[in-house]
Structures are given as C-alpha cells and as structure tokens.
PDB file of N, CA and C in Angstrom:
ATOM      1  N   MET A   1       0.845  -1.173   0.000  1.00  0.00           N
ATOM      2  CA  MET A   1       0.000   0.000   0.000  1.00  0.00           C
ATOM      3  C   MET A   1       0.895   1.241   0.000  1.00  0.00           C
ATOM      4  N   ASN A   2       0.528   2.218  -0.792  1.00  0.00           N
ATOM      5  CA  ASN A   2       1.276   3.469  -0.845  1.00  0.00           C
ATOM      6  C   ASN A   2       1.041   4.276   0.422  1.00  0.00           C
ATOM      7  N   PRO A   3       2.066   5.015   0.842  1.00  0.00           N
ATOM      8  CA  PRO A   3       1.862   5.870   2.028  1.00  0.00           C
ATOM      9  C   PRO A   3       0.885   6.997   1.697  1.00  0.00           C
ATOM     10  N   PRO A   4       0.196   7.515   2.708  1.00  0.00           N
ATOM     11  CA  PRO A   4      -0.746   8.614   2.441  1.00  0.00           C
ATOM     12  C   PRO A   4      -0.013   9.856   1.954  1.00  0.00           C
ATOM     13  N   ILE A   5      -0.714  10.647   1.196  1.00  0.00           N
ATOM     14  CA  ILE A   5      -0.153  11.909   0.711  1.00  0.00           C
ATOM     15  C   ILE A   5      -0.085  12.870   1.893  1.00  0.00           C
ATOM     16  N   PRO A   6       1.081  13.442   2.130  1.00  0.00           N
ATOM     17  CA  PRO A   6       1.187  14.349   3.281  1.00  0.00           C
ATOM     18  C   PRO A   6       0.365  15.624   3.070  1.00  0.00           C
ATOM     19  N   ALA A   7      -0.125  16.156   4.170  1.00  0.00           N
ATOM     20  CA  ALA A   7      -0.898  17.402   4.124  1.00  0.00           C
ATOM     21  C   ALA A   7       0.006  18.553   3.702  1.00  0.00           C
ATOM     22  N   ILE A   8      -0.583  19.522   3.056  1.00  0.00           N
ATOM     23  CA  ILE A   8       0.143  20.739   2.676  1.00  0.00           C
ATOM     24  C   ILE A   8      -0.419  21.871   3.523  1.00  0.00           C
ATOM     25  N   THR A   9       0.445  22.425   4.351  1.00  0.00           N
ATOM     26  CA  THR A   9       0.048  23.539   5.199  1.00  0.00           C
ATOM     27  C   THR A   9       0.498  24.830   4.544  1.00  0.00           C
ATOM     28  N   LEU A  10      -0.439  25.715   4.311  1.00  0.00           N
ATOM     29  CA  LEU A  10      -0.129  27.004   3.694  1.00  0.00           C
ATOM     30  C   LEU A  10       0.505  27.916   4.732  1.00  0.00           C
ATOM     31  N   PRO A  11       1.510  28.682   4.327  1.00  0.00           N
ATOM     32  CA  PRO A  11       2.166  29.574   5.291  1.00  0.00           C
ATOM     33  C   PRO A  11       1.260  30.732   5.699  1.00  0.00           C
ATOM     34  N   LEU A  12       1.546  31.268   6.869  1.00  0.00           N
ATOM     35  CA  LEU A  12       0.843  32.472   7.307  1.00  0.00           C
ATOM     36  C   LEU A  12       1.265  33.623   6.414  1.00  0.00           C
ATOM     37  N   CYS A  13       0.447  34.633   6.371  1.00  0.00           N
ATOM     38  CA  CYS A  13       0.682  35.747   5.465  1.00  0.00           C
ATOM     39  C   CYS A  13       0.587  37.057   6.242  1.00  0.00           C
ATOM     40  N   PRO A  14       1.497  37.995   6.005  1.00  0.00           N
ATOM     41  CA  PRO A  14       1.412  39.274   6.713  1.00  0.00           C
ATOM     42  C   PRO A  14       0.281  40.180   6.206  1.00  0.00           C
ATOM     43  N   ASP A  15      -0.210  39.927   4.993  1.00  0.00           N
ATOM     44  CA  ASP A  15      -1.260  40.767   4.417  1.00  0.00           C
ATOM     45  C   ASP A  15      -2.277  39.879   3.711  1.00  0.00           C
ATOM     46  N   TRP A  16      -3.300  39.455   4.451  1.00  0.00           N
ATOM     47  CA  TRP A  16      -4.284  38.531   3.906  1.00  0.00           C
ATOM     48  C   TRP A  16      -5.059  39.138   2.739  1.00  0.00           C
ATOM     49  N   GLN A  17      -5.351  40.428   2.790  1.00  0.00           N
ATOM     50  CA  GLN A  17      -6.090  41.052   1.696  1.00  0.00           C
ATOM     51  C   GLN A  17      -5.273  41.040   0.412  1.00  0.00           C
ATOM     52  N   ALA A  18      -3.984  41.299   0.517  1.00  0.00           N
ATOM     53  CA  ALA A  18      -3.123  41.243  -0.668  1.00  0.00           C
ATOM     54  C   ALA A  18      -3.079  39.824  -1.235  1.00  0.00           C
ATOM     55  N   GLU A  19      -3.076  38.844  -0.361  1.00  0.00           N
ATOM     56  CA  GLU A  19      -3.089  37.445  -0.793  1.00  0.00           C
ATOM     57  C   GLU A  19      -4.390  37.131  -1.539  1.00  0.00           C
ATOM     58  N   ALA A  20      -5.515  37.574  -0.995  1.00  0.00           N
ATOM     59  CA  ALA A  20      -6.808  37.349  -1.653  1.00  0.00           C
ATOM     60  C   ALA A  20      -6.870  38.095  -2.986  1.00  0.00           C
ATOM     61  N   ASP A  21      -6.318  39.305  -3.038  1.00  0.00           N
ATOM     62  CA  ASP A  21      -6.289  40.068  -4.288  1.00  0.00           C
ATOM     63  C   ASP A  21      -5.461  39.339  -5.342  1.00  0.00           C
ATOM     64  N   TRP A  22      -4.314  38.790  -4.917  1.00  0.00           N
ATOM     65  CA  TRP A  22      -3.485  38.011  -5.838  1.00  0.00           C
ATOM     66  C   TRP A  22      -4.273  36.822  -6.378  1.00  0.00           C
ATOM     67  N   LEU A  23      -4.951  36.102  -5.468  1.00  0.00           N
ATOM     68  CA  LEU A  23      -5.705  34.928  -5.897  1.00  0.00           C
ATOM     69  C   LEU A  23      -6.812  35.315  -6.871  1.00  0.00           C
ATOM     70  N   GLU A  24      -7.517  36.388  -6.595  1.00  0.00           N
ATOM     71  CA  GLU A  24      -8.584  36.823  -7.494  1.00  0.00           C
ATOM     72  C   GLU A  24      -8.040  37.094  -8.893  1.00  0.00           C
ATOM     73  N   LYS A  25      -6.928  37.800  -8.963  1.00  0.00           N
ATOM     74  CA  LYS A  25      -6.321  38.126 -10.266  1.00  0.00           C
ATOM     75  C   LYS A  25      -5.820  36.861 -10.974  1.00  0.00           C
ATOM     76  N   ALA A  26      -5.111  36.014 -10.241  1.00  0.00           N
ATOM     77  CA  ALA A  26      -4.547  34.798 -10.832  1.00  0.00           C
ATOM     78  C   ALA A  26      -5.655  33.855 -11.301  1.00  0.00           C
ATOM     79  N   LEU A  27      -6.697  33.718 -10.506  1.00  0.00           N
ATOM     80  CA  LEU A  27      -7.793  32.833 -10.884  1.00  0.00           C
ATOM     81  C   LEU A  27      -8.542  33.389 -12.090  1.00  0.00           C
ATOM     82  N   ARG A  28      -8.761  34.679 -12.111  1.00  0.00           N
ATOM     83  CA  ARG A  28      -9.440  35.296 -13.266  1.00  0.00           C
ATOM     84  C   ARG A  28      -8.636  35.047 -14.540  1.00  0.00           C
ATOM     85  N   GLU A  29      -7.333  35.218 -14.467  1.00  0.00           N
ATOM     86  CA  GLU A  29      -6.491  34.957 -15.641  1.00  0.00           C
ATOM     87  C   GLU A  29      -6.588  33.498 -16.062  1.00  0.00           C
ATOM     88  N   TRP A  30      -6.566  32.590 -15.089  1.00  0.00           N
ATOM     89  CA  TRP A  30      -6.664  31.163 -15.407  1.00  0.00           C
ATOM     90  C   TRP A  30      -8.005  30.856 -16.066  1.00  0.00           C
ATOM     91  N   LEU A  31      -9.078  31.359 -15.490  1.00  0.00           N
ATOM     92  CA  LEU A  31     -10.407  31.120 -16.049  1.00  0.00           C
ATOM     93  C   LEU A  31     -10.507  31.648 -17.481  1.00  0.00           C
ATOM     94  N   ASP A  32      -9.981  32.839 -17.706  1.00  0.00           N
ATOM     95  CA  ASP A  32     -10.045  33.445 -19.044  1.00  0.00           C
ATOM     96  C   ASP A  32      -9.193  32.697 -20.066  1.00  0.00           C
ATOM     97  N   GLN A  33      -8.090  32.114 -19.622  1.00  0.00           N
ATOM     98  CA  GLN A  33      -7.191  31.427 -20.545  1.00  0.00           C
ATOM     99  C   GLN A  33      -7.596  29.983 -20.807  1.00  0.00           C
ATOM    100  N   GLU A  34      -8.247  29.360 -19.836  1.00  0.00           N
ATOM    101  CA  GLU A  34      -8.570  27.941 -19.958  1.00  0.00           C
ATOM    102  C   GLU A  34      -9.613  27.682 -21.045  1.00  0.00           C
ATOM    103  N   TYR A  35     -10.653  28.503 -21.123  1.00  0.00           N
ATOM    104  CA  TYR A  35     -11.662  28.377 -22.180  1.00  0.00           C
ATOM    105  C   TYR A  35     -11.786  29.713 -22.904  1.00  0.00           C
ATOM    106  N   LEU A  36     -12.793  30.464 -22.544  1.00  0.00           N
ATOM    107  CA  LEU A  36     -13.033  31.756 -23.172  1.00  0.00           C
ATOM    108  C   LEU A  36     -13.165  32.817 -22.091  1.00  0.00           C
ATOM    109  N   PRO A  37     -12.668  34.024 -22.367  1.00  0.00           N
ATOM    110  CA  PRO A  37     -12.923  35.107 -21.409  1.00  0.00           C
ATOM    111  C   PRO A  37     -14.425  35.392 -21.356  1.00  0.00           C
ATOM    112  N   GLU A  38     -14.976  35.340 -20.160  1.00  0.00           N
ATOM    113  CA  GLU A  38     -16.408  35.607 -19.962  1.00  0.00           C
ATOM    114  C   GLU A  38     -16.561  36.575 -18.802  1.00  0.00           C
ATOM    115  N   ALA A  39     -17.587  37.382 -18.848  1.00  0.00           N
ATOM    116  CA  ALA A  39     -17.837  38.340 -17.765  1.00  0.00           C
ATOM    117  C   ALA A  39     -18.028  37.633 -16.433  1.00  0.00           C
ATOM    118  N   VAL A  40     -18.644  36.455 -16.449  1.00  0.00           N
ATOM    119  CA  VAL A  40     -18.906  35.731 -15.205  1.00  0.00           C
ATOM    120  C   VAL A  40     -17.606  35.290 -14.519  1.00  0.00           C
ATOM    121  N   ASN A  41     -16.519  35.198 -15.259  1.00  0.00           N
ATOM    122  CA  ASN A  41     -15.242  34.798 -14.658  1.00  0.00           C
ATOM    123  C   ASN A  41     -14.807  35.770 -13.561  1.00  0.00           C
ATOM    124  N   ALA A  42     -15.075  37.044 -13.755  1.00  0.00           N
ATOM    125  CA  ALA A  42     -14.732  38.033 -12.720  1.00  0.00           C
ATOM    126  C   ALA A  42     -15.536  37.774 -11.454  1.00  0.00           C
ATOM    127  N   ASP A  43     -16.812  37.417 -11.607  1.00  0.00           N
ATOM    128  CA  ASP A  43     -17.652  37.118 -10.449  1.00  0.00           C
ATOM    129  C   ASP A  43     -17.171  35.869  -9.728  1.00  0.00           C
ATOM    130  N   ILE A  44     -16.806  34.852 -10.499  1.00  0.00           N
ATOM    131  CA  ILE A  44     -16.301  33.611  -9.910  1.00  0.00           C
ATOM    132  C   ILE A  44     -15.020  33.887  -9.127  1.00  0.00           C
ATOM    133  N   ALA A  45     -14.092  34.609  -9.741  1.00  0.00           N
ATOM    134  CA  ALA A  45     -12.813  34.899  -9.083  1.00  0.00           C
ATOM    135  C   ALA A  45     -13.020  35.744  -7.831  1.00  0.00           C
ATOM    136  N   ARG A  46     -13.911  36.717  -7.902  1.00  0.00           N
ATOM    137  CA  ARG A  46     -14.189  37.591  -6.746  1.00  0.00           C
ATOM    138  C   ARG A  46     -14.782  36.784  -5.593  1.00  0.00           C
ATOM    139  N   ARG A  47     -15.774  35.970  -5.907  1.00  0.00           N
ATOM    140  CA  ARG A  47     -16.428  35.150  -4.870  1.00  0.00           C
ATOM    141  C   ARG A  47     -15.434  34.168  -4.250  1.00  0.00           C
ATOM    142  N   THR A  48     -14.638  33.541  -5.080  1.00  0.00           N
ATOM    143  CA  THR A  48     -13.650  32.575  -4.598  1.00  0.00           C
ATOM    144  C   THR A  48     -12.630  33.249  -3.687  1.00  0.00           C
ATOM    145  N   ALA A  49     -12.162  34.427  -4.078  1.00  0.00           N
ATOM    146  CA  ALA A  49     -11.191  35.155  -3.256  1.00  0.00           C
ATOM    147  C   ALA A  49     -11.782  35.547  -1.903  1.00  0.00           C
ATOM    148  N   LYS A  50     -13.066  35.899  -1.881  1.00  0.00           N
ATOM    149  CA  LYS A  50     -13.723  36.243  -0.615  1.00  0.00           C
ATOM    150  C   LYS A  50     -13.803  35.029   0.310  1.00  0.00           C
ATOM    151  N   ILE A  51     -14.150  33.886  -0.252  1.00  0.00           N
ATOM    152  CA  ILE A  51     -14.207  32.658   0.542  1.00  0.00           C
ATOM    153  C   ILE A  51     -12.815  32.317   1.058  1.00  0.00           C
ATOM    154  N   TYR A  52     -11.830  32.395   0.175  1.00  0.00           N
ATOM    155  CA  TYR A  52     -10.443  32.113   0.557  1.00  0.00           C
ATOM    156  C   TYR A  52     -10.014  33.015   1.709  1.00  0.00           C
ATOM    157  N   LEU A  53     -10.266  34.305   1.584  1.00  0.00           N
ATOM    158  CA  LEU A  53      -9.867  35.262   2.613  1.00  0.00           C
ATOM    159  C   LEU A  53     -10.521  34.920   3.949  1.00  0.00           C
ATOM    160  N   ARG A  54     -11.812  34.688   3.927  1.00  0.00           N
ATOM    161  CA  ARG A  54     -12.507  34.373   5.174  1.00  0.00           C
ATOM    162  C   ARG A  54     -11.990  33.080   5.803  1.00  0.00           C
ATOM    163  N   GLN A  55     -11.785  32.077   5.000  1.00  0.00           N
ATOM    164  CA  GLN A  55     -11.284  30.800   5.519  1.00  0.00           C
ATOM    165  C   GLN A  55      -9.902  30.952   6.151  1.00  0.00           C
ATOM    166  N   ARG A  56      -9.047  31.695   5.488  1.00  0.00           N
ATOM    167  CA  ARG A  56      -7.692  31.886   6.039  1.00  0.00           C
ATOM    168  C   ARG A  56      -7.746  32.702   7.322  1.00  0.00           C
ATOM    169  N   LEU A  57      -8.574  33.739   7.354  1.00  0.00           N
ATOM    170  CA  LEU A  57      -8.702  34.549   8.570  1.00  0.00           C
ATOM    171  C   LEU A  57      -9.286  33.731   9.727  1.00  0.00           C
ATOM    172  N   GLU A  58     -10.108  32.749   9.394  1.00  0.00           N
ATOM    173  CA  GLU A  58     -10.688  31.883  10.424  1.00  0.00           C
ATOM    174  C   GLU A  58      -9.743  30.763  10.851  1.00  0.00           C
ATOM    175  N   GLY A  59      -8.548  30.712  10.246  1.00  0.00           N
ATOM    176  CA  GLY A  59      -7.541  29.755  10.684  1.00  0.00           C
ATOM    177  C   GLY A  59      -7.381  28.505   9.845  1.00  0.00           C
ATOM    178  N   GLU A  60      -7.964  28.473   8.667  1.00  0.00           N
ATOM    179  CA  GLU A  60      -7.806  27.311   7.788  1.00  0.00           C
ATOM    180  C   GLU A  60      -6.519  27.467   6.994  1.00  0.00           C
ATOM    181  N   HIS A  61      -5.530  26.647   7.315  1.00  0.00           N
ATOM    182  CA  HIS A  61      -4.238  26.730   6.641  1.00  0.00           C
ATOM    183  C   HIS A  61      -3.867  25.424   5.937  1.00  0.00           C
ATOM    184  N   ASP A  62      -4.721  24.411   6.085  1.00  0.00           N
ATOM    185  CA  ASP A  62      -4.509  23.141   5.401  1.00  0.00           C
ATOM    186  C   ASP A  62      -5.098  23.253   3.996  1.00  0.00           C
ATOM    187  N   LEU A  63      -4.304  22.965   2.980  1.00  0.00           N
ATOM    188  CA  LEU A  63      -4.768  23.117   1.602  1.00  0.00           C
ATOM    189  C   LEU A  63      -5.980  22.230   1.319  1.00  0.00           C
ATOM    190  N   GLY A  64      -5.963  21.008   1.806  1.00  0.00           N
ATOM    191  CA  GLY A  64      -7.094  20.112   1.589  1.00  0.00           C
ATOM    192  C   GLY A  64      -8.373  20.648   2.228  1.00  0.00           C
ATOM    193  N   GLY A  65      -8.267  21.150   3.449  1.00  0.00           N
ATOM    194  CA  GLY A  65      -9.425  21.725   4.130  1.00  0.00           C
ATOM    195  C   GLY A  65      -9.942  22.952   3.413  1.00  0.00           C
ATOM    196  N   LEU A  66      -9.020  23.749   2.906  1.00  0.00           N
ATOM    197  CA  LEU A  66      -9.407  24.953   2.171  1.00  0.00           C
ATOM    198  C   LEU A  66     -10.155  24.598   0.890  1.00  0.00           C
ATOM    199  N   ILE A  67      -9.673  23.587   0.186  1.00  0.00           N
ATOM    200  CA  ILE A  67     -10.316  23.176  -1.066  1.00  0.00           C
ATOM    201  C   ILE A  67     -11.715  22.625  -0.787  1.00  0.00           C
ATOM    202  N   LEU A  68     -11.864  21.852   0.273  1.00  0.00           N
ATOM    203  CA  LEU A  68     -13.193  21.348   0.640  1.00  0.00           C
ATOM    204  C   LEU A  68     -14.141  22.495   0.980  1.00  0.00           C
ATOM    205  N   ALA A  69     -13.641  23.492   1.692  1.00  0.00           N
ATOM    206  CA  ALA A  69     -14.467  24.659   2.029  1.00  0.00           C
ATOM    207  C   ALA A  69     -14.879  25.407   0.763  1.00  0.00           C
ATOM    208  N   LEU A  70     -13.960  25.552  -0.179  1.00  0.00           N
ATOM    209  CA  LEU A  70     -14.288  26.237  -1.435  1.00  0.00           C
ATOM    210  C   LEU A  70     -15.372  25.480  -2.200  1.00  0.00           C
ATOM    211  N   VAL A  71     -15.207  24.172  -2.328  1.00  0.00           N
ATOM    212  CA  VAL A  71     -16.202  23.382  -3.050  1.00  0.00           C
ATOM    213  C   VAL A  71     -17.567  23.532  -2.389  1.00  0.00           C
ATOM    214  N   THR A  72     -17.589  23.420  -1.072  1.00  0.00           N
ATOM    215  CA  THR A  72     -18.851  23.503  -0.338  1.00  0.00           C
ATOM    216  C   THR A  72     -19.516  24.865  -0.513  1.00  0.00           C
ATOM    217  N   GLU A  73     -18.751  25.928  -0.330  1.00  0.00           N
ATOM    218  CA  GLU A  73     -19.341  27.269  -0.399  1.00  0.00           C
ATOM    219  C   GLU A  73     -19.647  27.704  -1.829  1.00  0.00           C
ATOM    220  N   LEU A  74     -18.867  27.230  -2.782  1.00  0.00           N
ATOM    221  CA  LEU A  74     -19.131  27.606  -4.172  1.00  0.00           C
ATOM    222  C   LEU A  74     -20.349  26.892  -4.743  1.00  0.00           C
ATOM    223  N   GLN A  75     -20.869  25.892  -4.044  1.00  0.00           N
ATOM    224  CA  GLN A  75     -22.102  25.244  -4.497  1.00  0.00           C
ATOM    225  C   GLN A  75     -23.269  26.230  -4.484  1.00  0.00           C
ATOM    226  N   GLN A  76     -23.124  27.314  -3.730  1.00  0.00           N
ATOM    227  CA  GLN A  76     -24.165  28.337  -3.678  1.00  0.00           C
ATOM    228  C   GLN A  76     -24.080  29.324  -4.849  1.00  0.00           C
ATOM    229  N   PHE A  77     -22.991  29.266  -5.606  1.00  0.00           N
ATOM    230  CA  PHE A  77     -22.788  30.177  -6.732  1.00  0.00           C
ATOM    231  C   PHE A  77     -23.499  29.625  -7.964  1.00  0.00           C
ATOM    232  N   ASP A  78     -24.074  30.497  -8.757  1.00  0.00           N
ATOM    233  CA  ASP A  78     -24.760  30.096  -9.984  1.00  0.00           C
ATOM    234  C   ASP A  78     -23.745  29.992 -11.126  1.00  0.00           C
ATOM    235  N   PHE A  79     -23.371  28.778 -11.465  1.00  0.00           N
ATOM    236  CA  PHE A  79     -22.403  28.534 -12.533  1.00  0.00           C
ATOM    237  C   PHE A  79     -23.089  28.319 -13.891  1.00  0.00           C
ATOM    238  N   SER A  80     -24.361  28.597 -13.994  1.00  0.00           N
ATOM    239  CA  SER A  80     -25.093  28.299 -15.226  1.00  0.00           C
ATOM    240  C   SER A  80     -24.611  29.100 -16.434  1.00  0.00           C
ATOM    241  N   LYS A  81     -23.946  30.214 -16.208  1.00  0.00           N
ATOM    242  CA  LYS A  81     -23.441  31.033 -17.315  1.00  0.00           C
ATOM    243  C   LYS A  81     -21.950  30.817 -17.539  1.00  0.00           C
ATOM    244  N   SER A  82     -21.433  29.710 -17.039  1.00  0.00           N
ATOM    245  CA  SER A  82     -20.002  29.459 -17.080  1.00  0.00           C
ATOM    246  C   SER A  82     -19.712  28.053 -17.579  1.00  0.00           C
ATOM    247  N   PHE A  83     -18.509  27.858 -18.087  1.00  0.00           N
ATOM    248  CA  PHE A  83     -18.028  26.527 -18.434  1.00  0.00           C
ATOM    249  C   PHE A  83     -17.597  25.765 -17.188  1.00  0.00           C
ATOM    250  N   TYR A  84     -17.432  26.463 -16.093  1.00  0.00           N
ATOM    251  CA  TYR A  84     -16.839  25.908 -14.885  1.00  0.00           C
ATOM    252  C   TYR A  84     -17.878  25.506 -13.863  1.00  0.00           C
ATOM    253  N   GLY A  85     -17.403  24.785 -12.851  1.00  0.00           N
ATOM    254  CA  GLY A  85     -18.192  24.425 -11.689  1.00  0.00           C
ATOM    255  C   GLY A  85     -17.308  24.549 -10.466  1.00  0.00           C
ATOM    256  N   GLU A  86     -17.881  24.275  -9.309  1.00  0.00           N
ATOM    257  CA  GLU A  86     -17.138  24.470  -8.070  1.00  0.00           C
ATOM    258  C   GLU A  86     -15.901  23.581  -7.957  1.00  0.00           C
ATOM    259  N   PHE A  87     -15.941  22.379  -8.503  1.00  0.00           N
ATOM    260  CA  PHE A  87     -14.778  21.501  -8.409  1.00  0.00           C
ATOM    261  C   PHE A  87     -13.625  22.000  -9.277  1.00  0.00           C
ATOM    262  N   ALA A  88     -13.931  22.426 -10.484  1.00  0.00           N
ATOM    263  CA  ALA A  88     -12.884  22.954 -11.365  1.00  0.00           C
ATOM    264  C   ALA A  88     -12.233  24.192 -10.765  1.00  0.00           C
ATOM    265  N   VAL A  89     -13.034  25.058 -10.181  1.00  0.00           N
ATOM    266  CA  VAL A  89     -12.500  26.282  -9.579  1.00  0.00           C
ATOM    267  C   VAL A  89     -11.644  25.944  -8.366  1.00  0.00           C
ATOM    268  N   ALA A  90     -12.126  25.069  -7.497  1.00  0.00           N
ATOM    269  CA  ALA A  90     -11.351  24.696  -6.314  1.00  0.00           C
ATOM    270  C   ALA A  90     -10.041  24.021  -6.705  1.00  0.00           C
ATOM    271  N   ASN A  91     -10.069  23.167  -7.712  1.00  0.00           N
ATOM    272  CA  ASN A  91      -8.834  22.526  -8.176  1.00  0.00           C
ATOM    273  C   ASN A  91      -7.869  23.542  -8.761  1.00  0.00           C
ATOM    274  N   ALA A  92      -8.387  24.520  -9.480  1.00  0.00           N
ATOM    275  CA  ALA A  92      -7.531  25.570 -10.033  1.00  0.00           C
ATOM    276  C   ALA A  92      -6.877  26.367  -8.909  1.00  0.00           C
ATOM    277  N   VAL A  93      -7.636  26.672  -7.861  1.00  0.00           N
ATOM    278  CA  VAL A  93      -7.076  27.391  -6.707  1.00  0.00           C
ATOM    279  C   VAL A  93      -5.951  26.574  -6.093  1.00  0.00           C
ATOM    280  N   SER A  94      -6.166  25.284  -5.928  1.00  0.00           N
ATOM    281  CA  SER A  94      -5.134  24.414  -5.378  1.00  0.00           C
ATOM    282  C   SER A  94      -3.863  24.485  -6.217  1.00  0.00           C
ATOM    283  N   ASP A  95      -4.022  24.355  -7.533  1.00  0.00           N
ATOM    284  CA  ASP A  95      -2.856  24.424  -8.424  1.00  0.00           C
ATOM    285  C   ASP A  95      -2.154  25.776  -8.326  1.00  0.00           C
ATOM    286  N   LEU A  96      -2.916  26.854  -8.323  1.00  0.00           N
ATOM    287  CA  LEU A  96      -2.317  28.188  -8.250  1.00  0.00           C
ATOM    288  C   LEU A  96      -1.554  28.386  -6.944  1.00  0.00           C
ATOM    289  N   LEU A  97      -2.126  27.937  -5.843  1.00  0.00           N
ATOM    290  CA  LEU A  97      -1.452  28.084  -4.554  1.00  0.00           C
ATOM    291  C   LEU A  97      -0.186  27.234  -4.487  1.00  0.00           C
ATOM    292  N   MET A  98      -0.254  26.022  -5.009  1.00  0.00           N
ATOM    293  CA  MET A  98       0.933  25.163  -5.005  1.00  0.00           C
ATOM    294  C   MET A  98       2.032  25.751  -5.883  1.00  0.00           C
ATOM    295  N   GLN A  99       1.662  26.272  -7.038  1.00  0.00           N
ATOM    296  CA  GLN A  99       2.654  26.899  -7.910  1.00  0.00           C
ATOM    297  C   GLN A  99       3.291  28.098  -7.216  1.00  0.00           C
ATOM    298  N   ARG A 100       2.477  28.857  -6.497  1.00  0.00           N
ATOM    299  CA  ARG A 100       3.005  30.021  -5.789  1.00  0.00           C
ATOM    300  C   ARG A 100       3.996  29.611  -4.706  1.00  0.00           C
ATOM    301  N   LEU A 101       3.804  28.428  -4.149  1.00  0.00           N
ATOM    302  CA  LEU A 101       4.720  27.900  -3.138  1.00  0.00           C
ATOM    303  C   LEU A 101       5.929  27.208  -3.749  1.00  0.00           C
ATOM    304  N   GLY A 102       5.985  27.180  -5.076  1.00  0.00           N
ATOM    305  CA  GLY A 102       7.115  26.544  -5.762  1.00  0.00           C
ATOM    306  C   GLY A 102       6.976  25.042  -5.868  1.00  0.00           C
ATOM    307  N   MET A 103       5.755  24.541  -5.728  1.00  0.00           N
ATOM    308  CA  MET A 103       5.498  23.105  -5.814  1.00  0.00           C
ATOM    309  C   MET A 103       4.870  22.790  -7.167  1.00  0.00           C
ATOM    310  N   ASP A 104       5.159  21.602  -7.680  1.00  0.00           N
ATOM    311  CA  ASP A 104       4.539  21.152  -8.915  1.00  0.00           C
ATOM    312  C   ASP A 104       3.206  20.519  -8.555  1.00  0.00           C
ATOM    313  N   PRO A 105       2.087  21.092  -9.018  1.00  0.00           N
ATOM    314  CA  PRO A 105       0.769  20.554  -8.644  1.00  0.00           C
ATOM    315  C   PRO A 105       0.571  19.104  -9.093  1.00  0.00           C
ATOM    316  N   CYS A 106       1.255  18.697 -10.141  1.00  0.00           N
ATOM    317  CA  CYS A 106       1.066  17.336 -10.656  1.00  0.00           C
ATOM    318  C   CYS A 106       1.924  16.324  -9.915  1.00  0.00           C
ATOM    319  N   CYS A 107       2.988  16.773  -9.343  1.00  0.00           N
ATOM    320  CA  CYS A 107       3.967  15.819  -8.776  1.00  0.00           C
ATOM    321  C   CYS A 107       4.487  16.295  -7.428  1.00  0.00           C
ATOM    322  N   SER A 108       3.610  16.754  -6.557  1.00  0.00           N
ATOM    323  CA  SER A 108       4.069  17.335  -5.298  1.00  0.00           C
ATOM    324  C   SER A 108       4.569  16.295  -4.319  1.00  0.00           C
ATOM    325  N   GLY A 109       4.229  15.036  -4.527  1.00  0.00           N
ATOM    326  CA  GLY A 109       4.680  13.998  -3.596  1.00  0.00           C
ATOM    327  C   GLY A 109       6.131  13.745  -3.772  1.00  0.00           C
TER     328      GLY A 109
END
C-alpha cells in the first residue's frame, strides 16, 4: 500500500487582503485562458477570493481543508453562465497556490 499523501500547510501571510487580491487576479487569468474570457469569470474569481480570505482569517491553513471549504461554499454560486463548476474552480485554486509555493501541482509527492 502506498503511504498517504502528506498534508500541505499554507504559510501564514502578513497581508491577507493582498493574498486574496493576488488569488482573485490569478484565478481570473486562469479562467479566461482555460476556455473563453467571460464576464462571469470576474464574479467567480471575486467570490472565490472572498471565501479564501474568510477561511484563512478563520484559521484554515490546510490546503485540503481549504479546497473542501471552497467546493462547499461555491455550491451556492450560480455557474449556469459558465463553463466551470465548483470543483474545477477549487482545483484551479489548489494548483495556483501550489505553484506560488514553488510546488509542482502534478507531482508534489
């Protein structure tokens, strides 16, 4: 049996708002580049960044826990005008955060 994948703990940040702003911008760029630039992408990125900010301020620093929180809370978002859904967005956030930490999202083990 393979050993379990170790948890990824996100570092603390001196400026949580700047971190959320970075995520909003990075996610918007990813959404626009992955398929087509759509107006709803800005709403998705904004909502996701707000959830991220609140979760981090509430003490969620485990990447897996953060992704689960994003999926759960983004279920309330209306994705009907988008190519995306809550799982795709949460996975993109995970990849963006891992890349920012200098980790390869595909081969972090």
